[in-house]
């Protein structure tokens, strides 16, 4: 399914563990009143969004945050043709949190969800990212009255496994299944999310400088421009 791309073990284990440890350490002692505990926004839009979020760059160390953004940007350049990312959000989901179905394609051509959730030992239900199947958007052309359809035929649900990067087309209706069962942030769903941007903008890697690469590229494109 090209509209959904999943990469497990996306980051080096040491970096994923460091990001997770930062979150756990700051919630370890609930009676403390350190300033980093007061950066969270409880985002609630009735019948649409409920989650707790903060800009990721204000939460992680500069070194860990830069390493994460570098890895994500490099992936976007090589795999998606996108040269940049939006400012990442860090969000956690406890009992009652969810995102109901929506689209948000104006942010960028690809959305991403990177999970820091301890999924294998989770103490909640729900929390999967769900994405509408493309055939639903062309429903009547493929309609078969002889067959019934259930949710699994209409939506793809992606579990938020630790260190999993999920990328999808934000034009497709999507959301997050309601989380039920824990009030402890450390036991909930924890993700970094945002969008890839600047699709089609040239970028350069290797030993050549950007100026040298631009000159060579312009010469190569001149015959093409003449034909157009």
N, C-alpha and C. Protein backbone atom coordinates (compact mmCIF):
# COMPACT_ATOMS: atom_id res chain seq x y z
N UNK A 1 0.85 -1.18 0.00
CA UNK A 1 0.00 0.00 0.00
C UNK A 1 0.90 1.25 0.00
N UNK A 2 1.02 1.85 -1.16
CA UNK A 2 1.96 2.95 -1.29
C UNK A 2 1.53 4.18 -0.50
N UNK A 3 0.23 4.29 -0.21
CA UNK A 3 -0.22 5.46 0.54
C UNK A 3 0.13 5.35 2.03
N UNK A 4 0.61 4.19 2.47
CA UNK A 4 1.09 4.00 3.84
C UNK A 4 2.46 3.35 3.77
N UNK A 5 3.44 3.97 4.43
CA UNK A 5 4.79 3.42 4.47
C UNK A 5 5.19 3.26 5.93
N UNK A 6 5.64 2.07 6.29
CA UNK A 6 6.01 1.76 7.67
C UNK A 6 7.47 1.33 7.72
N UNK A 7 8.24 1.97 8.59
CA UNK A 7 9.63 1.61 8.80
C UNK A 7 9.84 1.32 10.27
N UNK A 8 10.09 0.07 10.60
CA UNK A 8 10.38 -0.29 11.98
C UNK A 8 11.87 -0.07 12.27
N UNK A 9 12.19 0.14 13.55
CA UNK A 9 13.57 0.41 13.97
C UNK A 9 14.15 1.58 13.17
N UNK A 10 13.39 2.66 13.10
CA UNK A 10 13.78 3.80 12.27
C UNK A 10 15.04 4.47 12.79
N UNK A 11 15.10 4.75 14.06
CA UNK A 11 16.27 5.41 14.65
C UNK A 11 17.24 4.38 15.22
N UNK A 12 18.47 4.80 15.40
CA UNK A 12 19.39 3.96 16.16
C UNK A 12 18.78 3.71 17.54
N UNK A 13 18.88 2.48 18.03
CA UNK A 13 18.24 2.17 19.32
C UNK A 13 18.65 3.11 20.44
N UNK A 14 19.90 3.54 20.43
CA UNK A 14 20.37 4.42 21.50
C UNK A 14 19.67 5.77 21.48
N UNK A 15 19.38 6.29 20.28
CA UNK A 15 18.70 7.58 20.17
C UNK A 15 17.24 7.44 20.56
N UNK A 16 16.58 6.38 20.09
CA UNK A 16 15.18 6.16 20.47
C UNK A 16 15.07 6.00 21.98
N UNK A 17 16.01 5.28 22.58
CA UNK A 17 15.98 5.08 24.03
C UNK A 17 16.22 6.40 24.77
N UNK A 18 17.10 7.25 24.24
CA UNK A 18 17.37 8.53 24.89
C UNK A 18 16.15 9.44 24.85
N UNK A 19 15.45 9.47 23.73
CA UNK A 19 14.23 10.27 23.63
C UNK A 19 13.17 9.77 24.61
N UNK A 20 13.01 8.49 24.66
CA UNK A 20 12.03 7.90 25.58
C UNK A 20 12.42 8.18 27.03
N UNK A 21 13.70 8.08 27.35
CA UNK A 21 14.17 8.28 28.73
C UNK A 21 13.91 9.71 29.19
N UNK A 22 14.06 10.66 28.29
CA UNK A 22 13.77 12.06 28.66
C UNK A 22 12.33 12.19 29.13
N UNK A 23 11.42 11.60 28.40
CA UNK A 23 10.00 11.66 28.78
C UNK A 23 9.76 10.96 30.11
N UNK A 24 10.28 9.76 30.26
CA UNK A 24 10.07 9.00 31.49
C UNK A 24 10.65 9.71 32.70
N UNK A 25 11.83 10.26 32.54
CA UNK A 25 12.49 10.92 33.68
C UNK A 25 11.68 12.11 34.18
N UNK A 26 11.07 12.84 33.27
CA UNK A 26 10.35 14.05 33.66
C UNK A 26 8.99 13.75 34.27
N UNK A 27 8.50 12.54 34.08
CA UNK A 27 7.24 12.15 34.70
C UNK A 27 7.43 11.14 35.84
N UNK A 28 8.68 10.84 36.15
CA UNK A 28 8.94 9.80 37.14
C UNK A 28 8.44 10.17 38.53
N UNK A 29 8.63 11.44 38.91
CA UNK A 29 8.23 11.90 40.23
C UNK A 29 7.07 12.89 40.07
N UNK A 30 5.83 12.44 40.22
CA UNK A 30 4.67 13.30 39.93
C UNK A 30 4.53 14.48 40.89
N UNK A 31 5.21 14.46 42.03
CA UNK A 31 5.07 15.56 42.98
C UNK A 31 6.08 16.69 42.75
N UNK A 32 7.00 16.51 41.81
CA UNK A 32 7.98 17.55 41.54
C UNK A 32 7.33 18.70 40.78
N UNK A 33 7.94 19.87 40.87
CA UNK A 33 7.38 21.07 40.21
C UNK A 33 8.43 21.73 39.32
N UNK A 34 9.23 20.93 38.66
CA UNK A 34 10.22 21.49 37.74
C UNK A 34 9.55 22.08 36.51
N UNK A 35 10.19 23.08 35.93
CA UNK A 35 9.56 23.85 34.85
C UNK A 35 9.22 22.99 33.64
N UNK A 36 10.01 21.95 33.35
CA UNK A 36 9.75 21.15 32.15
C UNK A 36 8.45 20.34 32.27
N UNK A 37 7.88 20.27 33.45
CA UNK A 37 6.60 19.58 33.59
C UNK A 37 5.42 20.47 33.21
N UNK A 38 5.66 21.75 32.92
CA UNK A 38 4.57 22.69 32.69
C UNK A 38 4.53 23.21 31.25
N UNK A 39 5.05 22.40 30.32
CA UNK A 39 5.11 22.83 28.92
C UNK A 39 3.99 22.24 28.08
N UNK A 40 3.11 21.46 28.70
CA UNK A 40 2.13 20.70 27.93
C UNK A 40 0.85 21.47 27.70
N UNK A 41 0.28 21.29 26.50
CA UNK A 41 -1.01 21.88 26.12
C UNK A 41 -2.04 20.76 26.03
N UNK A 42 -3.10 20.88 26.84
CA UNK A 42 -4.21 19.94 26.73
C UNK A 42 -5.10 20.42 25.60
N UNK A 43 -5.00 19.71 24.46
CA UNK A 43 -5.71 20.14 23.26
C UNK A 43 -7.00 19.36 23.14
N UNK A 44 -8.11 20.06 23.31
CA UNK A 44 -9.41 19.41 23.26
C UNK A 44 -10.34 20.21 22.36
N UNK A 45 -10.74 19.60 21.26
CA UNK A 45 -11.76 20.14 20.36
C UNK A 45 -12.92 19.16 20.45
N UNK A 46 -14.06 19.56 21.01
CA UNK A 46 -15.14 18.61 21.24
C UNK A 46 -15.50 17.80 20.00
N UNK A 47 -15.63 16.50 20.21
CA UNK A 47 -16.03 15.55 19.15
C UNK A 47 -15.01 15.47 18.02
N UNK A 48 -13.75 15.89 18.28
CA UNK A 48 -12.75 15.81 17.21
C UNK A 48 -11.36 15.42 17.73
N UNK A 49 -10.76 16.23 18.59
CA UNK A 49 -9.40 15.97 19.07
C UNK A 49 -9.34 16.05 20.59
N UNK A 50 -8.63 15.11 21.20
CA UNK A 50 -8.29 15.20 22.61
C UNK A 50 -6.92 14.55 22.80
N UNK A 51 -5.94 15.34 23.17
CA UNK A 51 -4.58 14.84 23.40
C UNK A 51 -3.79 15.90 24.14
N UNK A 52 -2.62 15.52 24.61
CA UNK A 52 -1.73 16.44 25.33
C UNK A 52 -0.46 16.57 24.50
N UNK A 53 -0.08 17.79 24.16
CA UNK A 53 0.99 17.99 23.18
C UNK A 53 1.93 19.12 23.60
N UNK A 54 3.12 19.11 23.01
CA UNK A 54 4.10 20.17 23.19
C UNK A 54 5.04 20.18 22.00
N UNK A 55 5.60 21.32 21.61
CA UNK A 55 6.62 21.32 20.56
C UNK A 55 7.82 20.48 20.99
N UNK A 56 8.24 19.55 20.15
CA UNK A 56 9.31 18.62 20.53
C UNK A 56 10.63 19.33 20.76
N UNK A 57 10.87 20.45 20.07
CA UNK A 57 12.16 21.12 20.23
C UNK A 57 12.30 21.76 21.61
N UNK A 58 11.20 21.97 22.31
CA UNK A 58 11.25 22.54 23.65
C UNK A 58 11.37 21.47 24.73
N UNK A 59 11.33 20.22 24.33
CA UNK A 59 11.28 19.15 25.32
C UNK A 59 12.56 18.32 25.39
N UNK A 60 13.09 17.97 24.24
CA UNK A 60 14.28 17.13 24.20
C UNK A 60 15.55 17.97 24.22
N UNK A 61 16.67 17.32 24.52
CA UNK A 61 17.94 18.03 24.44
C UNK A 61 18.21 18.45 23.00
N UNK A 62 18.99 19.50 22.84
CA UNK A 62 19.29 19.99 21.49
C UNK A 62 19.96 18.91 20.66
N UNK A 63 20.85 18.13 21.28
CA UNK A 63 21.57 17.09 20.55
C UNK A 63 20.62 15.99 20.07
N UNK A 64 19.76 15.51 20.96
CA UNK A 64 18.84 14.43 20.57
C UNK A 64 17.80 14.93 19.57
N UNK A 65 17.31 16.14 19.78
CA UNK A 65 16.31 16.68 18.86
C UNK A 65 16.91 16.87 17.46
N UNK A 66 18.12 17.39 17.38
CA UNK A 66 18.77 17.59 16.08
C UNK A 66 19.02 16.27 15.38
N UNK A 67 19.45 15.27 16.13
CA UNK A 67 19.70 13.95 15.53
C UNK A 67 18.42 13.35 14.98
N UNK A 68 17.32 13.52 15.70
CA UNK A 68 16.02 13.02 15.22
C UNK A 68 15.61 13.74 13.95
N UNK A 69 15.68 15.07 13.95
CA UNK A 69 15.27 15.84 12.77
C UNK A 69 16.16 15.53 11.57
N UNK A 70 17.45 15.36 11.81
CA UNK A 70 18.37 15.02 10.71
C UNK A 70 17.99 13.69 10.08
N UNK A 71 17.68 12.70 10.91
CA UNK A 71 17.32 11.38 10.39
C UNK A 71 16.01 11.46 9.61
N UNK A 72 15.06 12.22 10.12
CA UNK A 72 13.77 12.33 9.45
C UNK A 72 13.90 13.10 8.14
N UNK A 73 14.67 14.18 8.15
CA UNK A 73 14.86 14.98 6.94
C UNK A 73 15.58 14.17 5.86
N UNK A 74 16.60 13.43 6.26
CA UNK A 74 17.32 12.60 5.30
C UNK A 74 16.41 11.55 4.68
N UNK A 75 15.56 10.96 5.49
CA UNK A 75 14.61 9.98 4.97
C UNK A 75 13.66 10.65 3.97
N UNK A 76 13.15 11.81 4.31
CA UNK A 76 12.24 12.51 3.42
C UNK A 76 12.88 12.86 2.09
N UNK A 77 14.13 13.27 2.12
CA UNK A 77 14.84 13.61 0.89
C UNK A 77 15.03 12.40 0.00
N UNK A 78 15.47 11.29 0.58
CA UNK A 78 15.82 10.12 -0.21
C UNK A 78 14.61 9.30 -0.64
N UNK A 79 13.60 9.23 0.21
CA UNK A 79 12.48 8.33 -0.06
C UNK A 79 11.24 9.04 -0.59
N UNK A 80 11.08 10.33 -0.28
CA UNK A 80 9.83 11.03 -0.61
C UNK A 80 10.03 12.23 -1.52
N UNK A 81 11.28 12.64 -1.72
CA UNK A 81 11.54 13.83 -2.51
C UNK A 81 11.13 15.11 -1.80
N UNK A 82 11.10 15.06 -0.47
CA UNK A 82 10.74 16.24 0.34
C UNK A 82 11.99 16.73 1.06
N UNK A 83 12.19 18.03 1.01
CA UNK A 83 13.44 18.59 1.51
C UNK A 83 13.38 19.06 2.95
N UNK A 84 12.19 19.14 3.53
CA UNK A 84 12.06 19.69 4.88
C UNK A 84 10.95 18.99 5.63
N UNK A 85 10.87 19.31 6.93
CA UNK A 85 9.78 18.84 7.76
C UNK A 85 9.21 20.02 8.54
N UNK A 86 7.96 19.91 8.95
CA UNK A 86 7.39 20.92 9.83
C UNK A 86 7.96 20.72 11.24
N UNK A 87 7.74 21.70 12.10
CA UNK A 87 8.17 21.56 13.48
C UNK A 87 7.46 20.36 14.11
N UNK A 88 8.20 19.39 14.62
CA UNK A 88 7.55 18.19 15.17
C UNK A 88 6.81 18.49 16.48
N UNK A 89 5.68 17.82 16.64
CA UNK A 89 4.94 17.81 17.90
C UNK A 89 5.26 16.53 18.66
N UNK A 90 5.33 16.64 19.97
CA UNK A 90 5.40 15.49 20.86
C UNK A 90 4.06 15.42 21.59
N UNK A 91 3.38 14.28 21.50
CA UNK A 91 2.05 14.16 22.11
C UNK A 91 1.93 12.84 22.87
N UNK A 92 1.23 12.92 24.00
CA UNK A 92 0.90 11.68 24.68
C UNK A 92 -0.61 11.56 24.83
N UNK A 93 -1.06 10.30 24.88
CA UNK A 93 -2.47 9.97 24.92
C UNK A 93 -2.71 9.08 26.14
N UNK A 94 -3.59 9.50 27.02
CA UNK A 94 -4.03 8.69 28.14
C UNK A 94 -5.53 8.43 27.98
N UNK A 95 -6.15 7.86 28.99
CA UNK A 95 -7.54 7.46 28.89
C UNK A 95 -8.42 8.61 28.39
N UNK A 96 -9.16 8.35 27.32
CA UNK A 96 -10.06 9.34 26.74
C UNK A 96 -9.49 10.13 25.59
N UNK A 97 -8.20 10.03 25.35
CA UNK A 97 -7.58 10.78 24.24
C UNK A 97 -7.83 10.06 22.92
N UNK A 98 -7.96 10.86 21.88
CA UNK A 98 -8.22 10.31 20.55
C UNK A 98 -8.08 11.42 19.51
N UNK A 99 -8.04 11.00 18.26
CA UNK A 99 -8.26 11.92 17.14
C UNK A 99 -9.30 11.27 16.24
N UNK A 100 -10.41 11.95 16.07
CA UNK A 100 -11.42 11.42 15.17
C UNK A 100 -11.03 11.71 13.72
N UNK A 101 -11.75 11.11 12.83
CA UNK A 101 -11.37 11.15 11.42
C UNK A 101 -11.27 12.58 10.90
N UNK A 102 -10.19 12.85 10.18
CA UNK A 102 -9.96 14.19 9.63
C UNK A 102 -8.92 14.09 8.51
N UNK A 103 -8.71 15.18 7.80
CA UNK A 103 -7.60 15.32 6.85
C UNK A 103 -6.87 16.61 7.18
N UNK A 104 -5.59 16.67 6.80
CA UNK A 104 -4.79 17.87 7.08
C UNK A 104 -3.68 18.03 6.04
N UNK A 105 -4.07 17.92 4.77
CA UNK A 105 -3.09 17.89 3.69
C UNK A 105 -2.42 19.23 3.44
N UNK A 106 -2.98 20.33 3.96
CA UNK A 106 -2.37 21.64 3.71
C UNK A 106 -1.01 21.79 4.41
N UNK A 107 -0.75 20.92 5.39
CA UNK A 107 0.54 21.01 6.09
C UNK A 107 1.69 20.51 5.24
N UNK A 108 1.43 19.55 4.38
CA UNK A 108 2.49 18.95 3.57
C UNK A 108 1.98 17.70 2.87
N UNK A 109 2.72 17.20 1.89
CA UNK A 109 2.25 16.07 1.08
C UNK A 109 2.29 14.73 1.79
N UNK A 110 3.07 14.62 2.88
CA UNK A 110 3.14 13.37 3.64
C UNK A 110 3.10 13.70 5.12
N UNK A 111 2.30 12.93 5.85
CA UNK A 111 2.27 13.03 7.31
C UNK A 111 3.11 11.89 7.89
N UNK A 112 3.66 12.11 9.07
CA UNK A 112 4.42 11.04 9.73
C UNK A 112 4.03 10.95 11.20
N UNK A 113 4.15 9.75 11.71
CA UNK A 113 3.97 9.47 13.14
C UNK A 113 5.15 8.59 13.55
N UNK A 114 5.95 9.09 14.48
CA UNK A 114 7.07 8.30 15.01
C UNK A 114 6.74 7.93 16.44
N UNK A 115 6.74 6.64 16.74
CA UNK A 115 6.27 6.18 18.04
C UNK A 115 7.41 5.97 19.03
N UNK A 116 7.18 6.48 20.23
CA UNK A 116 8.03 6.20 21.39
C UNK A 116 7.23 5.45 22.45
N UNK A 117 6.18 4.79 22.01
CA UNK A 117 5.28 4.06 22.90
C UNK A 117 5.86 2.69 23.25
N UNK A 118 5.79 2.35 24.52
CA UNK A 118 6.16 0.98 24.93
C UNK A 118 4.99 0.06 24.61
N UNK A 119 4.81 -0.20 23.33
CA UNK A 119 3.61 -0.86 22.84
C UNK A 119 3.47 -2.29 23.34
N UNK A 120 4.57 -3.00 23.41
CA UNK A 120 4.50 -4.42 23.79
C UNK A 120 4.08 -4.60 25.24
N UNK A 121 4.29 -3.60 26.08
CA UNK A 121 3.92 -3.71 27.50
C UNK A 121 2.84 -2.70 27.86
N UNK A 122 2.11 -2.20 26.88
CA UNK A 122 1.12 -1.15 27.12
C UNK A 122 0.03 -1.62 28.06
N UNK A 123 -0.54 -0.68 28.78
CA UNK A 123 -1.62 -0.97 29.71
C UNK A 123 -2.88 -0.23 29.28
N UNK A 124 -3.13 -0.19 28.00
CA UNK A 124 -4.31 0.47 27.46
C UNK A 124 -4.77 -0.25 26.20
N UNK A 125 -5.97 0.05 25.79
CA UNK A 125 -6.46 -0.40 24.50
C UNK A 125 -6.57 0.80 23.57
N UNK A 126 -6.65 0.55 22.27
CA UNK A 126 -6.72 1.64 21.31
C UNK A 126 -5.34 2.20 21.02
N UNK A 127 -5.32 3.43 20.49
CA UNK A 127 -4.06 4.10 20.22
C UNK A 127 -3.48 3.85 18.84
N UNK A 128 -4.12 3.00 18.04
CA UNK A 128 -3.61 2.77 16.68
C UNK A 128 -3.94 3.96 15.79
N UNK A 129 -3.05 4.29 14.89
CA UNK A 129 -3.36 5.23 13.81
C UNK A 129 -4.24 4.50 12.80
N UNK A 130 -5.37 5.07 12.43
CA UNK A 130 -6.20 4.44 11.41
C UNK A 130 -6.30 5.36 10.19
N UNK A 131 -6.26 4.75 9.02
CA UNK A 131 -6.22 5.48 7.75
C UNK A 131 -7.22 4.84 6.81
N UNK A 132 -8.06 5.66 6.22
CA UNK A 132 -9.08 5.13 5.31
C UNK A 132 -8.43 4.52 4.08
N UNK A 133 -8.94 3.37 3.67
CA UNK A 133 -8.43 2.72 2.47
C UNK A 133 -8.81 3.53 1.23
N UNK A 134 -7.93 3.54 0.26
CA UNK A 134 -8.18 4.34 -0.95
C UNK A 134 -9.43 3.89 -1.70
N UNK A 135 -9.78 2.62 -1.60
CA UNK A 135 -10.96 2.15 -2.35
C UNK A 135 -12.25 2.75 -1.82
N UNK A 136 -12.24 3.19 -0.57
CA UNK A 136 -13.44 3.82 -0.01
C UNK A 136 -13.71 5.15 -0.70
N UNK A 137 -12.65 5.83 -1.11
CA UNK A 137 -12.81 7.12 -1.76
C UNK A 137 -13.28 6.99 -3.21
N UNK A 138 -13.29 5.75 -3.69
CA UNK A 138 -13.84 5.45 -5.02
C UNK A 138 -14.86 4.33 -4.85
N UNK A 139 -15.73 4.54 -3.88
CA UNK A 139 -16.57 3.46 -3.36
C UNK A 139 -17.50 2.85 -4.41
N UNK A 140 -18.22 3.68 -5.12
CA UNK A 140 -19.26 3.14 -6.00
C UNK A 140 -18.69 2.45 -7.22
N UNK A 141 -17.54 2.87 -7.68
CA UNK A 141 -16.96 2.21 -8.85
C UNK A 141 -16.60 0.77 -8.54
N UNK A 142 -16.23 0.50 -7.29
CA UNK A 142 -15.84 -0.86 -6.91
C UNK A 142 -16.91 -1.56 -6.08
N UNK A 143 -18.06 -0.99 -5.98
CA UNK A 143 -19.10 -1.55 -5.12
C UNK A 143 -19.55 -2.91 -5.61
N UNK A 144 -19.66 -3.85 -4.67
CA UNK A 144 -20.12 -5.21 -4.97
C UNK A 144 -21.21 -5.53 -3.97
N UNK A 145 -22.46 -5.52 -4.44
CA UNK A 145 -23.60 -5.75 -3.55
C UNK A 145 -23.62 -7.14 -2.96
N UNK A 146 -22.86 -8.06 -3.52
CA UNK A 146 -22.86 -9.44 -3.02
C UNK A 146 -21.93 -9.63 -1.82
N UNK A 147 -21.16 -8.60 -1.49
CA UNK A 147 -20.20 -8.71 -0.41
C UNK A 147 -20.47 -7.66 0.67
N UNK A 148 -20.38 -8.08 1.91
CA UNK A 148 -20.47 -7.16 3.02
C UNK A 148 -19.10 -6.59 3.35
N UNK A 149 -19.08 -5.45 4.02
CA UNK A 149 -17.83 -4.82 4.40
C UNK A 149 -17.83 -4.55 5.90
N UNK A 150 -16.67 -4.75 6.53
CA UNK A 150 -16.47 -4.42 7.92
C UNK A 150 -15.32 -3.44 8.05
N UNK A 151 -15.07 -3.00 9.27
CA UNK A 151 -14.10 -1.92 9.46
C UNK A 151 -12.73 -2.25 8.86
N UNK A 152 -12.29 -3.50 9.02
CA UNK A 152 -10.97 -3.88 8.51
C UNK A 152 -10.87 -3.75 7.00
N UNK A 153 -12.03 -3.77 6.31
CA UNK A 153 -12.03 -3.59 4.86
C UNK A 153 -12.03 -2.13 4.45
N UNK A 154 -12.33 -1.25 5.40
CA UNK A 154 -12.46 0.18 5.10
C UNK A 154 -11.30 1.00 5.63
N UNK A 155 -10.66 0.50 6.69
CA UNK A 155 -9.59 1.25 7.34
C UNK A 155 -8.37 0.36 7.53
N UNK A 156 -7.19 0.97 7.53
CA UNK A 156 -5.97 0.30 7.92
C UNK A 156 -5.56 0.83 9.28
N UNK A 157 -5.39 -0.06 10.25
CA UNK A 157 -4.98 0.33 11.60
C UNK A 157 -3.51 -0.02 11.79
N UNK A 158 -2.72 0.96 12.23
CA UNK A 158 -1.28 0.78 12.39
C UNK A 158 -0.92 0.90 13.87
N UNK A 159 -0.50 -0.17 14.52
CA UNK A 159 -0.09 -0.09 15.92
C UNK A 159 1.14 0.81 16.08
N UNK A 160 1.20 1.49 17.21
CA UNK A 160 2.29 2.45 17.47
C UNK A 160 3.46 1.75 18.16
N UNK A 161 4.10 0.84 17.45
CA UNK A 161 5.23 0.11 18.02
C UNK A 161 6.40 1.06 18.29
N UNK A 162 7.15 0.76 19.33
CA UNK A 162 8.31 1.57 19.69
C UNK A 162 9.29 1.66 18.52
N UNK A 163 9.73 2.87 18.22
CA UNK A 163 10.72 3.14 17.17
C UNK A 163 10.18 2.85 15.78
N UNK A 164 8.87 2.93 15.61
CA UNK A 164 8.25 2.74 14.30
C UNK A 164 7.91 4.09 13.68
N UNK A 165 8.28 4.27 12.43
CA UNK A 165 7.91 5.46 11.66
C UNK A 165 6.81 5.07 10.68
N UNK A 166 5.68 5.74 10.78
CA UNK A 166 4.56 5.53 9.87
C UNK A 166 4.34 6.79 9.05
N UNK A 167 4.29 6.66 7.74
CA UNK A 167 4.11 7.78 6.83
C UNK A 167 2.88 7.50 5.98
N UNK A 168 2.06 8.51 5.76
CA UNK A 168 0.86 8.31 4.95
C UNK A 168 0.46 9.61 4.27
N UNK A 169 -0.43 9.47 3.31
CA UNK A 169 -0.95 10.60 2.56
C UNK A 169 -2.02 11.31 3.40
N UNK A 170 -1.78 12.55 3.83
CA UNK A 170 -2.74 13.22 4.72
C UNK A 170 -4.03 13.65 4.04
N UNK A 171 -4.12 13.44 2.73
CA UNK A 171 -5.40 13.68 2.05
C UNK A 171 -6.42 12.59 2.40
N UNK A 172 -5.92 11.44 2.84
CA UNK A 172 -6.81 10.35 3.24
C UNK A 172 -7.34 10.60 4.64
N UNK A 173 -8.64 10.45 4.86
CA UNK A 173 -9.17 10.58 6.22
C UNK A 173 -8.44 9.62 7.17
N UNK A 174 -8.07 10.13 8.34
CA UNK A 174 -7.30 9.34 9.29
C UNK A 174 -7.56 9.83 10.71
N UNK A 175 -7.05 9.12 11.68
CA UNK A 175 -7.23 9.51 13.07
C UNK A 175 -6.50 8.56 13.99
N UNK A 176 -6.81 8.63 15.28
CA UNK A 176 -6.21 7.77 16.30
C UNK A 176 -7.34 7.17 17.12
N UNK A 177 -7.35 5.85 17.24
CA UNK A 177 -8.40 5.19 18.01
C UNK A 177 -8.34 5.61 19.48
N UNK A 178 -9.49 5.73 20.12
CA UNK A 178 -9.52 6.17 21.52
C UNK A 178 -8.68 5.29 22.42
N UNK A 179 -7.90 5.92 23.27
CA UNK A 179 -7.10 5.21 24.26
C UNK A 179 -7.96 5.02 25.52
N UNK A 180 -7.96 3.80 26.04
CA UNK A 180 -8.71 3.48 27.25
C UNK A 180 -7.83 2.68 28.21
N UNK A 181 -7.80 3.10 29.46
CA UNK A 181 -7.20 2.20 30.44
C UNK A 181 -6.10 2.74 31.33
N UNK A 182 -5.49 3.88 31.03
CA UNK A 182 -4.43 4.39 31.90
C UNK A 182 -4.50 5.90 31.99
N UNK A 183 -4.18 6.41 33.16
CA UNK A 183 -4.05 7.85 33.38
C UNK A 183 -2.59 8.26 33.54
N UNK A 184 -1.68 7.30 33.51
CA UNK A 184 -0.26 7.56 33.70
C UNK A 184 0.38 7.89 32.35
N UNK A 185 0.92 9.10 32.17
CA UNK A 185 1.55 9.44 30.88
C UNK A 185 2.62 8.44 30.45
N UNK A 186 3.35 7.87 31.40
CA UNK A 186 4.41 6.94 31.05
C UNK A 186 3.87 5.62 30.51
N UNK A 187 2.61 5.34 30.78
CA UNK A 187 1.99 4.10 30.33
C UNK A 187 1.09 4.30 29.11
N UNK A 188 1.02 5.53 28.59
CA UNK A 188 0.13 5.83 27.49
C UNK A 188 0.80 5.75 26.13
N UNK A 189 0.12 6.30 25.16
CA UNK A 189 0.64 6.37 23.79
C UNK A 189 1.50 7.63 23.67
N UNK A 190 2.73 7.48 23.20
CA UNK A 190 3.66 8.61 23.07
C UNK A 190 4.21 8.64 21.65
N UNK A 191 4.02 9.76 20.95
CA UNK A 191 4.44 9.85 19.55
C UNK A 191 4.99 11.24 19.24
N UNK A 192 5.87 11.29 18.27
CA UNK A 192 6.31 12.54 17.64
C UNK A 192 5.68 12.56 16.25
N UNK A 193 5.08 13.67 15.87
CA UNK A 193 4.33 13.67 14.61
C UNK A 193 4.43 15.03 13.92
N UNK A 194 4.19 15.00 12.62
CA UNK A 194 4.25 16.22 11.82
C UNK A 194 4.11 15.87 10.35
N UNK A 195 4.73 16.69 9.49
CA UNK A 195 4.55 16.54 8.05
C UNK A 195 5.88 16.80 7.34
N UNK A 196 6.06 16.13 6.20
CA UNK A 196 7.16 16.42 5.30
C UNK A 196 6.71 17.53 4.35
N UNK A 197 7.63 18.43 4.00
CA UNK A 197 7.30 19.57 3.15
C UNK A 197 8.35 19.75 2.05
N UNK A 198 8.15 20.79 1.26
CA UNK A 198 9.09 21.16 0.20
C UNK A 198 9.33 20.02 -0.78
N UNK A 199 8.28 19.40 -1.23
CA UNK A 199 8.43 18.31 -2.20
C UNK A 199 8.86 18.87 -3.54
N UNK A 200 9.88 18.27 -4.11
CA UNK A 200 10.39 18.69 -5.41
C UNK A 200 11.48 19.74 -5.34
N UNK A 201 11.77 20.28 -4.16
CA UNK A 201 12.85 21.25 -4.03
C UNK A 201 14.19 20.52 -4.14
N UNK A 202 15.12 20.96 -5.00
CA UNK A 202 16.39 20.25 -5.13
C UNK A 202 17.18 20.26 -3.84
N UNK A 203 17.89 19.18 -3.59
CA UNK A 203 18.84 19.13 -2.48
C UNK A 203 20.09 18.41 -2.96
N UNK A 204 21.17 18.61 -2.25
CA UNK A 204 22.46 18.12 -2.71
C UNK A 204 23.14 17.35 -1.60
N UNK A 205 23.77 16.24 -1.97
CA UNK A 205 24.60 15.47 -1.05
C UNK A 205 25.90 15.13 -1.76
N UNK A 206 26.89 14.77 -1.00
CA UNK A 206 28.17 14.39 -1.59
C UNK A 206 29.21 15.48 -1.43
N UNK A 207 30.30 15.34 -2.17
CA UNK A 207 31.45 16.22 -1.98
C UNK A 207 31.32 17.56 -2.71
N UNK A 208 30.43 17.66 -3.70
CA UNK A 208 30.29 18.91 -4.44
C UNK A 208 29.57 19.95 -3.60
N UNK A 209 29.99 21.20 -3.74
CA UNK A 209 29.27 22.28 -3.07
C UNK A 209 27.96 22.54 -3.80
N UNK A 210 27.05 23.23 -3.14
CA UNK A 210 25.76 23.53 -3.75
C UNK A 210 25.95 24.39 -5.00
N UNK A 211 26.91 25.31 -4.95
CA UNK A 211 27.16 26.18 -6.10
C UNK A 211 27.65 25.38 -7.30
N UNK A 212 28.59 24.45 -7.06
CA UNK A 212 29.10 23.63 -8.15
C UNK A 212 28.01 22.73 -8.72
N UNK A 213 27.22 22.14 -7.85
CA UNK A 213 26.14 21.27 -8.31
C UNK A 213 25.11 22.04 -9.12
N UNK A 214 24.81 23.26 -8.70
CA UNK A 214 23.82 24.08 -9.41
C UNK A 214 24.30 24.39 -10.83
N UNK A 215 25.57 24.71 -10.96
CA UNK A 215 26.11 25.04 -12.29
C UNK A 215 26.02 23.84 -13.23
N UNK A 216 26.41 22.67 -12.75
CA UNK A 216 26.36 21.46 -13.58
C UNK A 216 24.92 21.12 -13.92
N UNK A 217 24.02 21.23 -12.94
CA UNK A 217 22.63 20.90 -13.17
C UNK A 217 22.00 21.84 -14.19
N UNK A 218 22.31 23.12 -14.10
CA UNK A 218 21.75 24.08 -15.06
C UNK A 218 22.20 23.78 -16.48
N UNK A 219 23.47 23.40 -16.66
CA UNK A 219 23.95 23.06 -18.00
C UNK A 219 23.23 21.84 -18.54
N UNK A 220 22.99 20.87 -17.68
CA UNK A 220 22.31 19.65 -18.11
C UNK A 220 20.85 19.90 -18.47
N UNK A 221 20.25 20.90 -17.82
CA UNK A 221 18.83 21.17 -18.04
C UNK A 221 18.58 22.05 -19.26
N UNK A 222 19.59 22.73 -19.74
CA UNK A 222 19.39 23.66 -20.87
C UNK A 222 18.78 22.96 -22.09
N UNK A 223 19.26 21.78 -22.50
CA UNK A 223 18.62 21.12 -23.66
C UNK A 223 17.15 20.75 -23.38
N UNK A 224 16.87 20.39 -22.13
CA UNK A 224 15.49 20.05 -21.79
C UNK A 224 14.59 21.28 -21.91
N UNK A 225 15.07 22.41 -21.38
CA UNK A 225 14.28 23.62 -21.46
C UNK A 225 14.04 24.03 -22.91
N UNK A 226 15.02 23.79 -23.77
CA UNK A 226 14.88 24.14 -25.18
C UNK A 226 13.78 23.32 -25.85
N UNK A 227 13.70 22.06 -25.46
CA UNK A 227 12.66 21.19 -26.02
C UNK A 227 11.27 21.57 -25.52
N UNK A 228 11.22 22.03 -24.27
CA UNK A 228 9.91 22.42 -23.70
C UNK A 228 9.42 23.71 -24.34
